[in-house]
């Protein structure tokens, strides 16, 4: 459908928890399509709806090598997380020009409402797991740099402001 503009940090919508989705409507499907188009244009491996100003608990992830296999999620929540952690360089189109290495569980089981309006559970491993956790953080009003120490976070934000 449409590649949307990512709202810039420190827009308050990035720090606001998104609203739950009650049912899968045409509006929800259109938002998912816009998220996928925007994610592909970056290119990235996931997006949360509030990143484009849609304040619904919607996310998409696609860490497939061949692309074109996005998982559409409404109201995603982590049910189980592995004890083993995985480090990955994370960034966001909402805060351009900076990134940081974040440790997250290597594998997660996530419950969500799928595109058919059914409750599904799915296991995600590796980059898929990192991306889905990153997107759930977004729709909860949290950003990847919140996982850093205050000193590292402040340095990252200062550098991003300088890059603007």
N, C-alpha and C. Protein backbone atom coordinates (compact mmCIF):
# COMPACT_ATOMS: atom_id res chain seq x y z
N UNK A 1 0.83 -1.19 0.00
CA UNK A 1 0.00 0.00 0.00
C UNK A 1 0.87 1.26 0.00
N UNK A 2 1.48 1.56 1.19
CA UNK A 2 2.17 2.83 1.32
C UNK A 2 3.39 2.70 2.22
N UNK A 3 4.48 3.32 1.79
CA UNK A 3 5.64 3.46 2.67
C UNK A 3 5.36 4.70 3.52
N UNK A 4 5.31 4.51 4.84
CA UNK A 4 4.98 5.60 5.75
C UNK A 4 6.26 6.20 6.33
N UNK A 5 6.16 7.45 6.77
CA UNK A 5 7.26 8.12 7.44
C UNK A 5 7.33 7.64 8.88
N UNK A 6 8.52 7.31 9.34
CA UNK A 6 8.72 6.92 10.73
C UNK A 6 8.81 8.19 11.58
N UNK A 7 8.05 8.23 12.66
CA UNK A 7 8.05 9.43 13.49
C UNK A 7 9.39 9.54 14.22
N UNK A 8 9.93 10.74 14.31
CA UNK A 8 11.26 10.91 14.90
C UNK A 8 11.24 10.93 16.42
N UNK A 9 12.26 10.30 17.01
CA UNK A 9 12.48 10.42 18.45
C UNK A 9 12.82 11.88 18.71
N UNK A 10 12.31 12.53 19.74
CA UNK A 10 11.62 12.01 20.93
C UNK A 10 10.10 12.14 20.92
N UNK A 11 9.44 11.97 19.77
CA UNK A 11 7.98 12.03 19.72
C UNK A 11 7.38 11.17 20.82
N UNK A 12 6.41 11.73 21.56
CA UNK A 12 5.85 11.04 22.74
C UNK A 12 5.13 9.74 22.38
N UNK A 13 4.70 9.58 21.13
CA UNK A 13 4.04 8.32 20.75
C UNK A 13 4.99 7.12 20.85
N UNK A 14 6.29 7.39 20.71
CA UNK A 14 7.27 6.30 20.85
C UNK A 14 7.40 5.84 22.30
N UNK A 15 6.94 6.66 23.23
CA UNK A 15 7.02 6.35 24.67
C UNK A 15 5.66 6.03 25.26
N UNK A 16 4.67 5.82 24.38
CA UNK A 16 3.31 5.54 24.81
C UNK A 16 2.93 4.12 24.41
N UNK A 17 2.39 3.37 25.37
CA UNK A 17 1.93 2.02 25.06
C UNK A 17 0.75 2.10 24.10
N UNK A 18 0.78 1.28 23.07
CA UNK A 18 -0.28 1.26 22.07
C UNK A 18 -1.52 0.55 22.62
N UNK A 19 -2.66 0.82 22.00
CA UNK A 19 -3.94 0.27 22.43
C UNK A 19 -4.14 -1.15 21.88
N UNK A 20 -4.77 -2.02 22.69
CA UNK A 20 -5.04 -3.39 22.22
C UNK A 20 -5.96 -3.41 21.00
N UNK A 21 -5.79 -4.43 20.19
CA UNK A 21 -6.62 -4.64 19.01
C UNK A 21 -7.73 -5.62 19.41
N UNK A 22 -8.98 -5.21 19.19
CA UNK A 22 -10.12 -6.05 19.57
C UNK A 22 -10.46 -7.08 18.48
N UNK A 23 -10.33 -6.67 17.21
CA UNK A 23 -10.64 -7.56 16.10
C UNK A 23 -9.83 -7.14 14.88
N UNK A 24 -9.70 -8.06 13.94
CA UNK A 24 -8.97 -7.78 12.72
C UNK A 24 -9.95 -7.15 11.73
N UNK A 25 -9.70 -5.88 11.44
CA UNK A 25 -10.56 -5.09 10.55
C UNK A 25 -9.76 -4.70 9.30
N UNK A 26 -10.44 -4.05 8.39
CA UNK A 26 -9.75 -3.53 7.20
C UNK A 26 -8.70 -2.51 7.60
N UNK A 27 -8.98 -1.72 8.64
CA UNK A 27 -8.01 -0.73 9.13
C UNK A 27 -6.74 -1.42 9.64
N UNK A 28 -6.92 -2.52 10.37
CA UNK A 28 -5.77 -3.29 10.88
C UNK A 28 -4.99 -3.89 9.72
N UNK A 29 -5.68 -4.49 8.77
CA UNK A 29 -4.99 -5.07 7.60
C UNK A 29 -4.21 -4.01 6.82
N UNK A 30 -4.80 -2.83 6.65
CA UNK A 30 -4.11 -1.74 5.94
C UNK A 30 -2.88 -1.28 6.72
N UNK A 31 -2.99 -1.21 8.04
CA UNK A 31 -1.84 -0.82 8.87
C UNK A 31 -0.73 -1.85 8.74
N UNK A 32 -1.07 -3.14 8.78
CA UNK A 32 -0.06 -4.19 8.59
C UNK A 32 0.64 -4.04 7.24
N UNK A 33 -0.13 -3.80 6.19
CA UNK A 33 0.45 -3.65 4.85
C UNK A 33 1.40 -2.46 4.82
N UNK A 34 0.99 -1.34 5.41
CA UNK A 34 1.87 -0.16 5.47
C UNK A 34 3.14 -0.47 6.26
N UNK A 35 3.00 -1.20 7.36
CA UNK A 35 4.17 -1.58 8.16
C UNK A 35 5.14 -2.43 7.34
N UNK A 36 4.61 -3.39 6.61
CA UNK A 36 5.46 -4.26 5.78
C UNK A 36 6.14 -3.44 4.69
N UNK A 37 5.39 -2.58 4.01
CA UNK A 37 5.97 -1.74 2.95
C UNK A 37 7.06 -0.84 3.52
N UNK A 38 6.82 -0.25 4.69
CA UNK A 38 7.80 0.64 5.31
C UNK A 38 9.02 -0.13 5.76
N UNK A 39 8.81 -1.32 6.35
CA UNK A 39 9.91 -2.18 6.79
C UNK A 39 10.79 -2.57 5.60
N UNK A 40 10.18 -2.94 4.50
CA UNK A 40 10.93 -3.36 3.31
C UNK A 40 11.70 -2.20 2.69
N UNK A 41 11.16 -1.00 2.78
CA UNK A 41 11.81 0.17 2.19
C UNK A 41 13.04 0.60 2.99
N UNK A 42 13.11 0.24 4.29
CA UNK A 42 14.23 0.71 5.13
C UNK A 42 15.58 0.18 4.66
N UNK A 43 15.91 -1.03 4.44
CA UNK A 43 15.16 -2.25 4.76
C UNK A 43 15.39 -2.67 6.21
N UNK A 44 14.40 -3.32 6.79
CA UNK A 44 14.50 -3.77 8.17
C UNK A 44 13.91 -5.15 8.33
N UNK A 45 13.90 -5.63 9.57
CA UNK A 45 13.38 -6.98 9.86
C UNK A 45 12.16 -6.94 10.77
N UNK A 46 11.61 -5.75 11.01
CA UNK A 46 10.41 -5.65 11.82
C UNK A 46 9.99 -4.22 12.02
N UNK A 47 8.71 -4.04 12.39
CA UNK A 47 8.19 -2.71 12.72
C UNK A 47 7.03 -2.86 13.68
N UNK A 48 6.96 -1.89 14.60
CA UNK A 48 5.80 -1.75 15.48
C UNK A 48 4.96 -0.58 14.98
N UNK A 49 3.65 -0.68 15.12
CA UNK A 49 2.75 0.31 14.54
C UNK A 49 2.97 1.73 15.04
N UNK A 50 3.34 1.88 16.31
CA UNK A 50 3.52 3.25 16.79
C UNK A 50 4.74 3.93 16.16
N UNK A 51 5.62 3.18 15.54
CA UNK A 51 6.75 3.78 14.83
C UNK A 51 6.31 4.64 13.66
N UNK A 52 5.11 4.34 13.13
CA UNK A 52 4.56 5.15 12.04
C UNK A 52 3.35 5.95 12.52
N UNK A 53 3.18 6.04 13.83
CA UNK A 53 2.12 6.86 14.40
C UNK A 53 0.78 6.18 14.54
N UNK A 54 0.69 4.88 14.31
CA UNK A 54 -0.54 4.13 14.49
C UNK A 54 -0.50 3.54 15.90
N UNK A 55 -1.39 3.99 16.76
CA UNK A 55 -1.30 3.63 18.18
C UNK A 55 -2.11 2.37 18.51
N UNK A 56 -1.87 1.32 17.75
CA UNK A 56 -2.47 0.01 17.97
C UNK A 56 -1.36 -1.01 18.21
N UNK A 57 -1.67 -2.05 18.98
CA UNK A 57 -0.69 -3.09 19.30
C UNK A 57 -0.53 -4.03 18.10
N UNK A 58 0.10 -3.51 17.07
CA UNK A 58 0.35 -4.25 15.83
C UNK A 58 1.84 -4.27 15.56
N UNK A 59 2.33 -5.40 15.06
CA UNK A 59 3.73 -5.52 14.69
C UNK A 59 3.85 -6.49 13.52
N UNK A 60 4.95 -6.32 12.80
CA UNK A 60 5.31 -7.27 11.73
C UNK A 60 6.79 -7.59 11.89
N UNK A 61 7.15 -8.83 11.58
CA UNK A 61 8.55 -9.24 11.56
C UNK A 61 8.78 -10.10 10.32
N UNK A 62 9.95 -9.92 9.73
CA UNK A 62 10.36 -10.76 8.61
C UNK A 62 11.89 -10.80 8.58
N UNK A 63 12.43 -11.83 9.21
CA UNK A 63 13.88 -12.01 9.23
C UNK A 63 14.29 -13.13 8.27
N UNK A 64 13.41 -13.47 7.35
CA UNK A 64 13.73 -14.52 6.38
C UNK A 64 14.79 -14.01 5.41
N UNK A 65 15.66 -14.92 4.98
CA UNK A 65 16.73 -14.53 4.05
C UNK A 65 16.18 -14.13 2.69
N UNK A 66 15.14 -14.80 2.25
CA UNK A 66 14.61 -14.51 0.92
C UNK A 66 13.56 -13.41 0.96
N UNK A 67 13.14 -12.98 2.12
CA UNK A 67 12.14 -11.93 2.34
C UNK A 67 10.77 -12.38 1.83
N UNK A 68 9.78 -11.56 2.11
CA UNK A 68 8.44 -11.87 1.66
C UNK A 68 7.71 -12.88 2.54
N UNK A 69 8.18 -13.08 3.78
CA UNK A 69 7.51 -14.01 4.69
C UNK A 69 7.17 -13.32 6.02
N UNK A 70 6.52 -12.14 5.96
CA UNK A 70 6.25 -11.43 7.20
C UNK A 70 5.22 -12.14 8.08
N UNK A 71 5.45 -12.05 9.37
CA UNK A 71 4.48 -12.53 10.35
C UNK A 71 3.76 -11.29 10.86
N UNK A 72 2.43 -11.29 10.72
CA UNK A 72 1.60 -10.18 11.18
C UNK A 72 1.07 -10.53 12.56
N UNK A 73 1.24 -9.61 13.51
CA UNK A 73 0.83 -9.89 14.89
C UNK A 73 0.01 -8.74 15.45
N UNK A 74 -1.06 -9.07 16.13
CA UNK A 74 -1.82 -8.10 16.92
C UNK A 74 -1.71 -8.56 18.38
N UNK A 75 -1.49 -7.61 19.26
CA UNK A 75 -1.39 -7.88 20.70
C UNK A 75 -0.34 -8.93 21.06
N UNK A 76 0.85 -8.88 20.45
CA UNK A 76 1.85 -9.91 20.76
C UNK A 76 2.37 -9.79 22.19
N UNK A 77 2.59 -10.95 22.80
CA UNK A 77 3.18 -10.99 24.14
C UNK A 77 4.09 -12.20 24.25
N UNK A 78 5.21 -12.02 24.93
CA UNK A 78 6.16 -13.11 25.13
C UNK A 78 5.64 -13.99 26.25
N UNK A 79 5.48 -15.27 25.96
CA UNK A 79 5.06 -16.25 26.97
C UNK A 79 6.25 -16.89 27.66
N UNK A 80 7.27 -17.21 26.88
CA UNK A 80 8.47 -17.87 27.39
C UNK A 80 9.68 -17.28 26.68
N UNK A 81 10.77 -17.15 27.42
CA UNK A 81 12.02 -16.67 26.85
C UNK A 81 13.14 -17.58 27.30
N UNK A 82 14.07 -17.84 26.40
CA UNK A 82 15.20 -18.70 26.73
C UNK A 82 16.11 -18.00 27.73
N UNK A 83 16.82 -18.78 28.49
CA UNK A 83 17.81 -18.25 29.42
C UNK A 83 19.04 -17.79 28.65
N UNK A 84 19.34 -18.51 27.59
CA UNK A 84 20.50 -18.16 26.76
C UNK A 84 20.23 -16.85 26.03
N UNK A 85 21.20 -15.93 26.12
CA UNK A 85 21.07 -14.63 25.47
C UNK A 85 21.80 -14.60 24.14
N UNK A 86 21.43 -13.65 23.32
CA UNK A 86 22.04 -13.43 22.01
C UNK A 86 22.30 -11.94 21.88
N UNK A 87 23.50 -11.58 21.45
CA UNK A 87 23.83 -10.18 21.21
C UNK A 87 23.55 -9.85 19.76
N UNK A 88 23.00 -8.65 19.55
CA UNK A 88 22.76 -8.21 18.18
C UNK A 88 22.80 -6.69 18.13
N UNK A 89 23.34 -6.17 17.04
CA UNK A 89 23.38 -4.72 16.83
C UNK A 89 21.98 -4.26 16.43
N UNK A 90 21.36 -3.43 17.26
CA UNK A 90 20.00 -2.96 17.01
C UNK A 90 20.00 -1.47 16.70
N UNK A 91 19.02 -1.07 15.90
CA UNK A 91 18.85 0.33 15.52
C UNK A 91 17.36 0.57 15.28
N UNK A 92 17.02 1.82 14.99
CA UNK A 92 15.62 2.15 14.73
C UNK A 92 15.56 3.31 13.75
N UNK A 93 14.61 3.25 12.80
CA UNK A 93 14.44 4.37 11.88
C UNK A 93 13.90 5.61 12.58
N UNK A 94 13.47 5.47 13.83
CA UNK A 94 12.99 6.60 14.61
C UNK A 94 14.12 7.40 15.24
N UNK A 95 15.32 6.83 15.25
CA UNK A 95 16.50 7.49 15.81
C UNK A 95 17.66 7.15 14.88
N UNK A 96 17.79 7.94 13.83
CA UNK A 96 18.71 7.62 12.74
C UNK A 96 20.17 7.83 13.10
N UNK A 97 21.01 7.00 12.47
CA UNK A 97 22.44 7.19 12.54
C UNK A 97 23.14 6.59 13.74
N UNK A 98 22.40 5.88 14.58
CA UNK A 98 23.02 5.26 15.75
C UNK A 98 22.50 3.84 15.90
N UNK A 99 23.28 3.04 16.63
CA UNK A 99 22.89 1.66 16.93
C UNK A 99 23.63 1.24 18.19
N UNK A 100 23.22 0.11 18.75
CA UNK A 100 23.88 -0.40 19.95
C UNK A 100 23.71 -1.91 20.00
N UNK A 101 24.68 -2.57 20.61
CA UNK A 101 24.60 -4.01 20.81
C UNK A 101 23.74 -4.27 22.04
N UNK A 102 22.68 -5.06 21.83
CA UNK A 102 21.72 -5.36 22.89
C UNK A 102 21.70 -6.88 23.09
N UNK A 103 21.63 -7.30 24.35
CA UNK A 103 21.48 -8.73 24.67
C UNK A 103 20.01 -9.00 24.96
N UNK A 104 19.47 -9.98 24.26
CA UNK A 104 18.08 -10.42 24.47
C UNK A 104 18.05 -11.94 24.47
N UNK A 105 16.97 -12.53 25.00
CA UNK A 105 16.84 -13.98 24.91
C UNK A 105 16.97 -14.46 23.46
N UNK A 106 17.69 -15.56 23.28
CA UNK A 106 17.95 -16.12 21.96
C UNK A 106 16.68 -16.68 21.31
N UNK A 107 15.73 -17.13 22.14
CA UNK A 107 14.49 -17.72 21.63
C UNK A 107 13.32 -17.29 22.51
N UNK A 108 12.16 -17.08 21.89
CA UNK A 108 10.96 -16.71 22.62
C UNK A 108 9.75 -17.42 22.02
N UNK A 109 8.76 -17.65 22.87
CA UNK A 109 7.45 -18.11 22.42
C UNK A 109 6.51 -16.94 22.59
N UNK A 110 5.81 -16.60 21.52
CA UNK A 110 4.95 -15.41 21.51
C UNK A 110 3.51 -15.81 21.20
N UNK A 111 2.58 -15.23 21.97
CA UNK A 111 1.14 -15.39 21.69
C UNK A 111 0.67 -14.10 21.05
N UNK A 112 -0.15 -14.22 20.00
CA UNK A 112 -0.66 -13.05 19.30
C UNK A 112 -1.93 -13.41 18.54
N UNK A 113 -2.66 -12.39 18.12
CA UNK A 113 -3.80 -12.59 17.23
C UNK A 113 -3.26 -12.50 15.81
N UNK A 114 -3.54 -13.51 15.01
CA UNK A 114 -3.02 -13.53 13.64
C UNK A 114 -3.97 -12.82 12.67
N UNK A 115 -3.62 -12.84 11.41
CA UNK A 115 -4.40 -12.11 10.41
C UNK A 115 -5.80 -12.67 10.20
N UNK A 116 -6.06 -13.90 10.69
CA UNK A 116 -7.40 -14.48 10.61
C UNK A 116 -8.21 -14.21 11.88
N UNK A 117 -7.63 -13.44 12.81
CA UNK A 117 -8.33 -13.13 14.06
C UNK A 117 -8.25 -14.24 15.10
N UNK A 118 -7.40 -15.23 14.84
CA UNK A 118 -7.24 -16.35 15.76
C UNK A 118 -6.03 -16.12 16.66
N UNK A 119 -6.12 -16.65 17.88
CA UNK A 119 -4.98 -16.57 18.79
C UNK A 119 -4.00 -17.67 18.41
N UNK A 120 -2.76 -17.27 18.19
CA UNK A 120 -1.71 -18.21 17.78
C UNK A 120 -0.54 -18.10 18.74
N UNK A 121 0.24 -19.16 18.80
CA UNK A 121 1.51 -19.15 19.52
C UNK A 121 2.58 -19.59 18.54
N UNK A 122 3.71 -18.89 18.58
CA UNK A 122 4.79 -19.23 17.65
C UNK A 122 6.13 -19.05 18.35
N UNK A 123 7.05 -19.96 18.03
CA UNK A 123 8.41 -19.87 18.54
C UNK A 123 9.25 -19.07 17.54
N UNK A 124 10.10 -18.19 18.07
CA UNK A 124 11.01 -17.41 17.25
C UNK A 124 12.41 -17.61 17.80
N UNK A 125 13.40 -17.78 16.91
CA UNK A 125 14.78 -18.03 17.32
C UNK A 125 15.70 -17.09 16.55
N UNK A 126 16.81 -16.72 17.18
CA UNK A 126 17.84 -15.92 16.52
C UNK A 126 17.34 -14.53 16.18
N UNK A 127 17.60 -14.09 14.94
CA UNK A 127 17.21 -12.75 14.53
C UNK A 127 15.70 -12.55 14.60
N UNK A 128 14.94 -13.60 14.30
CA UNK A 128 13.48 -13.51 14.43
C UNK A 128 13.10 -13.16 15.87
N UNK A 129 13.73 -13.82 16.84
CA UNK A 129 13.43 -13.57 18.26
C UNK A 129 13.84 -12.15 18.66
N UNK A 130 15.01 -11.73 18.21
CA UNK A 130 15.46 -10.37 18.51
C UNK A 130 14.46 -9.36 17.95
N UNK A 131 14.05 -9.53 16.71
CA UNK A 131 13.14 -8.59 16.08
C UNK A 131 11.79 -8.55 16.77
N UNK A 132 11.23 -9.70 17.08
CA UNK A 132 9.90 -9.69 17.69
C UNK A 132 9.95 -9.04 19.07
N UNK A 133 11.03 -9.27 19.83
CA UNK A 133 11.16 -8.62 21.13
C UNK A 133 11.32 -7.10 20.97
N UNK A 134 12.08 -6.68 19.98
CA UNK A 134 12.28 -5.26 19.68
C UNK A 134 10.94 -4.60 19.34
N UNK A 135 10.10 -5.28 18.54
CA UNK A 135 8.80 -4.71 18.15
C UNK A 135 7.84 -4.68 19.33
N UNK A 136 7.85 -5.69 20.16
CA UNK A 136 6.99 -5.68 21.35
C UNK A 136 7.40 -4.54 22.27
N UNK A 137 8.71 -4.32 22.41
CA UNK A 137 9.17 -3.14 23.16
C UNK A 137 8.56 -1.87 22.58
N UNK A 138 8.62 -1.72 21.25
CA UNK A 138 8.07 -0.51 20.61
C UNK A 138 6.62 -0.29 21.00
N UNK A 139 5.77 -1.30 20.84
CA UNK A 139 4.35 -1.09 21.11
C UNK A 139 4.05 -0.96 22.60
N UNK A 140 5.05 -1.27 23.44
CA UNK A 140 4.93 -1.03 24.88
C UNK A 140 5.49 0.33 25.28
N UNK A 141 5.96 1.11 24.30
CA UNK A 141 6.50 2.43 24.58
C UNK A 141 7.95 2.42 25.05
N UNK A 142 8.67 1.37 24.66
CA UNK A 142 10.07 1.22 25.05
C UNK A 142 10.93 1.17 23.79
N UNK A 143 12.14 1.72 23.88
CA UNK A 143 13.06 1.70 22.75
C UNK A 143 14.29 0.85 23.08
N UNK A 144 14.96 0.37 22.04
CA UNK A 144 16.08 -0.55 22.26
C UNK A 144 17.13 0.02 23.18
N UNK A 145 17.37 1.33 23.13
CA UNK A 145 18.43 1.91 23.96
C UNK A 145 18.05 1.97 25.43
N UNK A 146 16.79 1.67 25.76
CA UNK A 146 16.39 1.58 27.17
C UNK A 146 17.04 0.38 27.85
N UNK A 147 17.59 -0.54 27.06
CA UNK A 147 18.29 -1.71 27.60
C UNK A 147 19.75 -1.38 27.95
N UNK A 148 20.18 -0.16 27.64
CA UNK A 148 21.56 0.26 27.93
C UNK A 148 21.63 0.96 29.28
N UNK A 149 22.85 1.10 29.79
CA UNK A 149 23.05 1.88 31.01
C UNK A 149 22.70 3.34 30.70
N UNK A 150 22.41 4.12 31.72
CA UNK A 150 22.06 5.53 31.52
C UNK A 150 23.17 6.27 30.77
N UNK A 151 24.41 6.01 31.13
CA UNK A 151 25.53 6.69 30.48
C UNK A 151 25.58 6.36 28.99
N UNK A 152 25.48 5.07 28.63
CA UNK A 152 25.52 4.67 27.22
C UNK A 152 24.30 5.21 26.46
N UNK A 153 23.14 5.18 27.12
CA UNK A 153 21.92 5.68 26.49
C UNK A 153 22.04 7.18 26.20
N UNK A 154 22.51 7.95 27.17
CA UNK A 154 22.67 9.40 26.99
C UNK A 154 23.66 9.71 25.87
N UNK A 155 24.75 8.95 25.79
CA UNK A 155 25.74 9.15 24.72
C UNK A 155 25.12 8.86 23.35
N UNK A 156 24.33 7.80 23.26
CA UNK A 156 23.69 7.41 22.01
C UNK A 156 22.71 8.49 21.54
N UNK A 157 21.91 8.99 22.45
CA UNK A 157 20.92 10.03 22.11
C UNK A 157 21.63 11.32 21.70
N UNK A 158 22.69 11.67 22.41
CA UNK A 158 23.47 12.87 22.06
C UNK A 158 24.04 12.74 20.66
N UNK A 159 24.60 11.57 20.34
CA UNK A 159 25.16 11.33 19.01
C UNK A 159 24.06 11.41 17.94
N UNK A 160 22.89 10.87 18.21
CA UNK A 160 21.79 10.90 17.25
C UNK A 160 21.36 12.35 16.99
N UNK A 161 21.28 13.14 18.03
CA UNK A 161 20.91 14.56 17.87
C UNK A 161 21.94 15.29 17.02
N UNK A 162 23.20 14.98 17.23
CA UNK A 162 24.28 15.62 16.47
C UNK A 162 24.18 15.23 14.99
N UNK A 163 23.75 13.99 14.72
CA UNK A 163 23.63 13.50 13.34
C UNK A 163 22.48 14.16 12.57
N UNK A 164 21.48 14.69 13.29
CA UNK A 164 20.31 15.25 12.62
C UNK A 164 20.61 16.45 11.81
